[in-house]
């Protein structure tokens, strides 16, 4: 496995680049906007293809790199389903898998620091975001934080992982880089409590100042979505209501860009062809299935995904290679469902 821990000294943020092999797919956890060029340089040096950019939660102390990485690499942006961010390509829930070629991380919901906090687990390590830090825990006094929820996330879930599990947090301010479950059980001062009430008492009396960037970072991080209005302005999108009128027509090929797990969980629009977003380029290239379909028939290619972000990027990519009859459902299957569109499960 390729694993790189990257540090932003201004915000004290750790970001993590993972891949199963050189030349393969990669994902990055908790990227910082100001470090995007460094991430892309490293991705290039290691001959990787960045396919997913993930935030463990909505950060208050730095502006996320999710949007910039999506715009530069067309990667999928990922957060938990509780996020207040306007649009991310994929929303995960407890029990899901965060998967790329050769790697699959278990997804667990670990609220408390914020109400959208998640942790991601590999067999030998866990990425804890700001839920469990090295010799500390994330504050719980803003963004719907809750010390009781955090106690359960830590004691009920994270500390039940094997003692030798490596802990990689999203932040550190003392120069620590890694710990283990056993170390934190033994030496983390906030975990030496006898009850949830004692933990709540500690967390409610920290009296910390707000992060310096909070008033800038939180609003910015809630607006990371691709501007789908730009695609609509070019005439390349249809609303969910408009889609209801044309889906099923013989001159429309409906293409579902989501991953299999998303389809199983949220349902499928009847008649859709499943072509996951990571395979888009091969399908729209000369000789690819969608390229041939568009050129040999008069069918309109109608893409959709979860919230419209992947499908908007797909339309732009298709138009760029000359597939002029490509459109997408603005707002994705989320908008389709809200419009009363039928779903197969």
Protein backbone atom coordinates (compact mmCIF):
# COMPACT_ATOMS: atom_id res chain seq x y z
CA UNK A 1 0.00 0.00 0.00
CA UNK A 2 1.12 3.54 -0.77
CA UNK A 3 0.53 5.72 2.29
CA UNK A 4 1.58 9.33 2.78
CA UNK A 5 0.84 11.56 5.77
CA UNK A 6 0.94 15.22 4.74
CA UNK A 7 0.90 18.19 7.11
CA UNK A 8 -0.38 21.76 6.93
CA UNK A 9 1.50 23.68 9.61
CA UNK A 10 -0.83 26.69 9.54
CA UNK A 11 -3.92 24.75 10.63
CA UNK A 12 -2.19 21.74 12.17
CA UNK A 13 -4.07 19.49 9.72
CA UNK A 14 -2.98 16.03 8.62
CA UNK A 15 -4.07 14.81 5.19
CA UNK A 16 -3.62 11.23 4.02
CA UNK A 17 -2.98 9.92 0.52
CA UNK A 18 -3.70 6.22 0.00
CA UNK A 19 -3.39 3.85 -2.93
CA UNK A 20 -2.89 0.12 -3.33
CA UNK A 21 -0.09 0.40 -5.90
CA UNK A 22 1.91 2.73 -8.10
CA UNK A 23 -0.06 3.59 -11.22
CA UNK A 24 -3.36 2.84 -9.49
CA UNK A 25 -6.31 4.71 -8.06
CA UNK A 26 -5.82 6.92 -5.01
CA UNK A 27 -7.90 8.72 -2.43
CA UNK A 28 -7.06 11.58 -0.12
CA UNK A 29 -8.54 12.22 3.33
CA UNK A 30 -8.98 15.75 4.75
CA UNK A 31 -7.16 17.79 2.07
CA UNK A 32 -6.37 21.49 2.72
CA UNK A 33 -6.96 24.04 -0.05
CA UNK A 34 -3.54 25.67 0.25
CA UNK A 35 -1.79 22.31 -0.20
CA UNK A 36 -3.61 21.20 -3.37
CA UNK A 37 -0.60 21.83 -5.63
CA UNK A 38 1.57 19.66 -3.34
CA UNK A 39 -1.00 16.85 -3.39
CA UNK A 40 -1.20 16.95 -7.19
CA UNK A 41 2.58 16.96 -7.49
CA UNK A 42 2.80 13.86 -5.27
CA UNK A 43 -0.01 12.13 -7.17
CA UNK A 44 1.92 12.76 -10.38
CA UNK A 45 5.25 11.65 -8.92
CA UNK A 46 3.72 8.37 -7.74
CA UNK A 47 1.91 7.87 -11.06
CA UNK A 48 -1.48 7.75 -9.32
CA UNK A 49 -4.99 8.67 -10.42
CA UNK A 50 -6.86 10.59 -7.73
CA UNK A 51 -10.42 9.28 -7.81
CA UNK A 52 -11.83 10.30 -4.39
CA UNK A 53 -11.31 13.24 -2.03
CA UNK A 54 -12.84 12.74 1.41
CA UNK A 55 -13.51 14.98 4.41
CA UNK A 56 -14.07 13.32 7.77
CA UNK A 57 -16.34 16.25 8.74
CA UNK A 58 -17.07 19.90 7.96
CA UNK A 59 -13.87 21.60 9.08
CA UNK A 60 -13.85 24.92 10.96
CA UNK A 61 -10.13 25.72 10.94
CA UNK A 62 -9.20 25.51 7.27
CA UNK A 63 -10.82 25.61 3.84
CA UNK A 64 -11.16 22.15 2.39
CA UNK A 65 -9.37 21.12 -0.78
CA UNK A 66 -12.30 19.00 -1.98
CA UNK A 67 -13.65 21.46 -4.54
CA UNK A 68 -10.26 22.39 -5.96
CA UNK A 69 -9.22 18.75 -6.30
CA UNK A 70 -12.51 17.92 -8.01
CA UNK A 71 -12.04 20.79 -10.45
CA UNK A 72 -8.44 19.81 -11.21
CA UNK A 73 -8.78 16.01 -11.39
CA UNK A 74 -12.54 15.32 -11.81
CA UNK A 75 -12.36 13.14 -8.69
CA UNK A 76 -15.42 12.24 -6.63
CA UNK A 77 -15.93 14.32 -3.48
CA UNK A 78 -17.06 12.35 -0.44
CA UNK A 79 -18.51 13.19 3.00
CA UNK A 80 -20.96 11.67 5.45
CA UNK A 81 -24.68 11.84 4.79
CA UNK A 82 -25.22 14.33 7.64
CA UNK A 83 -22.97 16.99 6.11
CA UNK A 84 -24.25 20.55 5.70
CA UNK A 85 -22.08 20.99 2.60
CA UNK A 86 -24.22 22.01 -0.36
CA UNK A 87 -23.16 19.30 -2.78
CA UNK A 88 -20.69 16.46 -2.53
CA UNK A 89 -20.60 13.73 -5.15
CA UNK A 90 -21.06 10.86 -2.71
CA UNK A 91 -22.50 10.72 0.81
CA UNK A 92 -21.55 7.81 3.04
CA UNK A 93 -23.41 6.27 5.96
CA UNK A 94 -22.42 4.09 8.88
CA UNK A 95 -21.55 0.59 7.66
CA UNK A 96 -20.69 1.65 4.11
CA UNK A 97 -17.37 0.97 2.39
CA UNK A 98 -15.12 3.72 1.05
CA UNK A 99 -13.56 1.88 -1.85
CA UNK A 100 -10.99 2.43 -4.59
CA UNK A 101 -9.01 -0.09 -6.63
CA UNK A 102 -7.38 -2.51 -4.18
CA UNK A 103 -8.52 -0.77 -0.97
CA UNK A 104 -11.78 -0.71 0.98
CA UNK A 105 -12.15 1.29 4.20
CA UNK A 106 -14.94 0.58 6.66
CA UNK A 107 -17.07 3.66 7.33
CA UNK A 108 -18.26 4.38 10.87
CA UNK A 109 -20.31 7.33 12.06
CA UNK A 110 -18.53 8.91 15.04
CA UNK A 111 -20.44 12.10 15.96
CA UNK A 112 -19.60 14.32 18.89
CA UNK A 113 -16.98 16.76 17.64
CA UNK A 114 -19.54 17.68 14.97
CA UNK A 115 -22.77 15.98 13.98
CA UNK A 116 -21.28 14.90 10.63
CA UNK A 117 -18.05 13.30 11.91
CA UNK A 118 -16.93 9.98 10.42
CA UNK A 119 -13.97 7.67 10.90
CA UNK A 120 -12.49 5.29 8.32
CA UNK A 121 -10.95 1.93 9.16
CA UNK A 122 -8.38 -0.29 7.48
CA UNK A 123 -7.32 -3.60 9.09
CA UNK A 124 -4.29 -2.04 10.80
CA UNK A 125 -5.25 1.63 11.18
CA UNK A 126 -8.09 4.10 11.69
CA UNK A 127 -8.48 7.66 10.45
CA UNK A 128 -10.32 9.37 13.30
CA UNK A 129 -10.80 12.90 12.00
CA UNK A 130 -11.20 15.18 15.02
CA UNK A 131 -13.11 12.62 17.11
CA UNK A 132 -10.08 10.99 18.75
CA UNK A 133 -6.80 12.89 18.75
CA UNK A 134 -3.38 11.90 20.06
CA UNK A 135 -3.59 12.45 23.83
CA UNK A 136 -6.77 14.43 23.35
CA UNK A 137 -10.23 14.52 21.81
CA UNK A 138 -11.92 17.00 19.49
CA UNK A 139 -13.83 19.87 21.09
CA UNK A 140 -17.62 19.52 21.21
CA UNK A 141 -18.82 23.11 21.65
CA UNK A 142 -19.82 24.09 18.10
CA UNK A 143 -21.30 22.69 14.84
CA UNK A 144 -23.84 20.62 16.78
CA UNK A 145 -21.11 18.95 18.81
CA UNK A 146 -22.23 16.76 21.69
CA UNK A 147 -19.90 15.36 24.38
CA UNK A 148 -22.27 12.47 25.14
CA UNK A 149 -22.28 11.42 21.51
CA UNK A 150 -18.52 11.76 21.39
CA UNK A 151 -18.12 9.58 24.49
CA UNK A 152 -20.14 6.85 22.79
CA UNK A 153 -18.21 7.27 19.53
CA UNK A 154 -14.91 6.88 21.36
CA UNK A 155 -15.69 4.38 24.11
CA UNK A 156 -18.43 2.50 22.28
CA UNK A 157 -16.74 2.24 18.91
CA UNK A 158 -13.17 3.42 18.42
CA UNK A 159 -11.69 2.01 21.62
CA UNK A 160 -13.21 -1.38 20.78
CA UNK A 161 -10.83 -1.71 17.84
CA UNK A 162 -7.78 -3.96 18.44
CA UNK A 163 -5.22 -2.39 20.77
CA UNK A 164 -2.51 -2.42 18.10
CA UNK A 165 -4.64 -0.39 15.65
CA UNK A 166 -2.77 2.72 14.51
CA UNK A 167 -4.55 6.06 15.02
CA UNK A 168 -4.14 8.76 12.39
CA UNK A 169 -6.07 11.92 13.35
CA UNK A 170 -6.96 14.98 11.28
CA UNK A 171 -5.08 17.36 13.58
CA UNK A 172 -2.20 17.61 15.96
CA UNK A 173 -0.66 20.70 17.52
CA UNK A 174 2.27 19.14 19.40
CA UNK A 175 4.19 17.36 16.65
CA UNK A 176 2.74 13.88 17.24
CA UNK A 177 2.11 11.89 14.07
CA UNK A 178 0.59 8.54 15.06
CA UNK A 179 -0.62 6.63 18.10
CA UNK A 180 -2.40 3.34 18.86
CA UNK A 181 -5.64 2.40 20.54
CA UNK A 182 -3.67 0.89 23.43
CA UNK A 183 -1.64 4.08 23.94
CA UNK A 184 -4.70 6.29 23.99
CA UNK A 185 -6.50 4.01 26.41
CA UNK A 186 -3.52 4.24 28.76
CA UNK A 187 -2.25 7.78 28.32
CA UNK A 188 -4.96 10.03 26.86
CA UNK A 189 -5.95 12.22 29.86
CA UNK A 190 -9.51 12.74 28.60
CA UNK A 191 -10.12 9.00 28.47
CA UNK A 192 -9.24 8.37 32.12
CA UNK A 193 -12.84 8.97 33.19
CA UNK A 194 -15.16 6.74 35.17
CA UNK A 195 -18.42 7.73 33.49
CA UNK A 196 -20.00 9.60 30.60
CA UNK A 197 -21.04 12.35 33.02
CA UNK A 198 -17.42 12.91 34.03
CA UNK A 199 -16.42 13.14 30.37
CA UNK A 200 -19.24 15.62 29.66
CA UNK A 201 -18.11 17.73 32.59
CA UNK A 202 -14.56 17.90 31.21
CA UNK A 203 -15.65 18.77 27.68
CA UNK A 204 -18.16 21.41 28.79
CA UNK A 205 -15.51 23.28 30.75
CA UNK A 206 -12.64 23.52 28.25
CA UNK A 207 -13.38 27.22 27.57
CA UNK A 208 -11.58 27.25 24.23
CA UNK A 209 -11.51 30.20 21.85
CA UNK A 210 -13.11 29.66 18.46
CA UNK A 211 -10.74 28.60 15.65
CA UNK A 212 -9.22 31.66 13.93
CA UNK A 213 -10.54 30.60 10.54
CA UNK A 214 -14.00 29.52 11.72
CA UNK A 215 -15.99 32.47 10.33
CA UNK A 216 -14.34 31.97 6.94
CA UNK A 217 -13.85 28.21 6.78
CA UNK A 218 -17.31 26.98 7.78
CA UNK A 219 -19.27 29.04 5.19
CA UNK A 220 -16.68 28.25 2.51
CA UNK A 221 -16.74 24.53 3.29
CA UNK A 222 -20.53 24.49 3.02
CA UNK A 223 -20.25 25.77 -0.56
CA UNK A 224 -17.90 23.24 -2.16
CA UNK A 225 -20.37 21.97 -4.77
CA UNK A 226 -19.81 22.11 -8.50
CA UNK A 227 -21.81 24.98 -9.98
CA UNK A 228 -24.42 22.93 -11.83
CA UNK A 229 -26.08 26.18 -12.96
CA UNK A 230 -23.20 26.66 -15.39
CA UNK A 231 -24.00 23.31 -17.03
CA UNK A 232 -27.71 24.21 -17.08
CA UNK A 233 -26.88 27.56 -18.68
CA UNK A 234 -25.31 25.73 -21.61
CA UNK A 235 -28.50 23.74 -22.11
CA UNK A 236 -26.88 20.51 -20.94
CA UNK A 237 -29.21 19.65 -18.05
CA UNK A 238 -32.80 18.73 -17.41
CA UNK A 239 -34.70 19.17 -14.17
CA UNK A 240 -36.11 16.14 -12.39
CA UNK A 241 -39.61 17.12 -13.53
CA UNK A 242 -38.43 17.35 -17.12
CA UNK A 243 -36.68 14.01 -16.76
CA UNK A 244 -39.93 12.38 -15.63
CA UNK A 245 -41.41 13.24 -19.02
CA UNK A 246 -38.59 11.80 -21.14
CA UNK A 247 -37.18 8.84 -19.20
CA UNK A 248 -38.36 5.65 -20.88
CA UNK A 249 -38.56 7.16 -24.35
CA UNK A 250 -36.76 5.10 -27.02
CA UNK A 251 -34.60 8.06 -28.00
CA UNK A 252 -33.18 8.50 -24.49
CA UNK A 253 -30.40 6.36 -23.00
CA UNK A 254 -30.36 6.78 -19.22
CA UNK A 255 -26.95 6.22 -17.62
CA UNK A 256 -26.40 5.69 -13.88
CA UNK A 257 -22.89 6.80 -12.81
CA UNK A 258 -23.11 5.70 -9.17
CA UNK A 259 -21.29 2.84 -7.51
CA UNK A 260 -23.04 -0.49 -6.90
CA UNK A 261 -23.39 0.13 -3.15
CA UNK A 262 -25.17 3.44 -3.80
CA UNK A 263 -27.59 1.76 -6.20
CA UNK A 264 -28.39 -0.97 -3.70
CA UNK A 265 -28.99 1.51 -0.91
CA UNK A 266 -30.92 4.25 -2.70
CA UNK A 267 -32.55 2.47 -5.62
CA UNK A 268 -32.31 2.78 -9.39
CA UNK A 269 -34.32 4.71 -11.96
CA UNK A 270 -36.02 2.04 -14.11
CA UNK A 271 -34.30 1.35 -17.42
CA UNK A 272 -30.93 2.85 -16.48
CA UNK A 273 -27.65 1.48 -17.80
CA UNK A 274 -25.05 1.14 -15.05
CA UNK A 275 -21.70 2.67 -16.03
CA UNK A 276 -19.82 3.80 -12.92
CA UNK A 277 -18.19 7.21 -13.08
CA UNK A 278 -14.57 5.90 -12.85
CA UNK A 279 -15.12 4.18 -16.21
CA UNK A 280 -16.47 7.31 -17.91
CA UNK A 281 -13.37 8.21 -19.92
CA UNK A 282 -13.05 4.79 -21.52
CA UNK A 283 -16.76 4.82 -22.40
CA UNK A 284 -16.80 8.26 -24.04
CA UNK A 285 -13.48 7.86 -25.85
CA UNK A 286 -13.38 6.88 -29.52
CA UNK A 287 -14.54 3.26 -29.72
CA UNK A 288 -16.08 3.40 -26.25
CA UNK A 289 -19.62 2.20 -25.66
CA UNK A 290 -21.20 5.62 -25.08
CA UNK A 291 -19.27 7.22 -27.91
CA UNK A 292 -20.47 4.53 -30.31
CA UNK A 293 -24.02 4.73 -28.97
CA UNK A 294 -24.12 8.50 -29.49
CA UNK A 295 -22.61 8.36 -32.97
CA UNK A 296 -24.56 5.39 -34.34
CA UNK A 297 -27.98 6.36 -33.03
CA UNK A 298 -29.93 9.55 -32.40
CA UNK A 299 -30.26 8.74 -28.70
CA UNK A 300 -29.79 11.46 -26.11
CA UNK A 301 -27.40 10.36 -23.36
CA UNK A 302 -28.95 11.31 -20.02
CA UNK A 303 -26.54 10.92 -17.10
CA UNK A 304 -27.48 10.84 -13.45
CA UNK A 305 -25.75 10.25 -10.13
CA UNK A 306 -26.55 10.92 -6.46
CA UNK A 307 -26.71 14.73 -6.38
CA UNK A 308 -25.78 15.83 -9.89
CA UNK A 309 -22.06 16.51 -9.41
CA UNK A 310 -20.60 13.46 -11.14
CA UNK A 311 -23.20 13.69 -13.90
CA UNK A 312 -22.41 17.39 -14.47
CA UNK A 313 -18.72 16.51 -14.86
CA UNK A 314 -19.70 13.63 -17.14
CA UNK A 315 -21.70 15.92 -19.41
CA UNK A 316 -18.81 18.35 -19.67
CA UNK A 317 -16.42 15.49 -20.48
CA UNK A 318 -18.81 14.07 -23.09
CA UNK A 319 -19.30 17.46 -24.72
CA UNK A 320 -15.53 17.95 -24.75
CA UNK A 321 -15.08 14.85 -26.93
CA UNK A 322 -17.86 15.91 -29.29
CA UNK A 323 -20.87 14.04 -27.87
CA UNK A 324 -23.28 16.92 -28.34
CA UNK A 325 -26.44 15.07 -27.27
CA UNK A 326 -25.30 14.48 -23.67
CA UNK A 327 -27.40 15.88 -20.80
CA UNK A 328 -27.76 15.20 -17.08
CA UNK A 329 -30.47 15.25 -14.43
CA UNK A 330 -29.74 18.30 -12.30
CA UNK A 331 -29.67 17.36 -8.62
CA UNK A 332 -29.37 13.65 -9.40
CA UNK A 333 -31.46 10.86 -7.95
CA UNK A 334 -32.03 13.01 -4.87
CA UNK A 335 -33.99 15.50 -6.99
CA UNK A 336 -35.68 12.64 -8.89
CA UNK A 337 -36.92 11.12 -5.64
CA UNK A 338 -38.20 14.49 -4.38
CA UNK A 339 -40.08 14.92 -7.68
CA UNK A 340 -41.86 11.61 -7.10
CA UNK A 341 -39.94 9.64 -9.70
CA UNK A 342 -40.19 5.84 -9.56
CA UNK A 343 -37.30 3.83 -8.12
CA UNK A 344 -36.46 0.13 -8.26
CA UNK A 345 -34.79 -1.45 -5.24
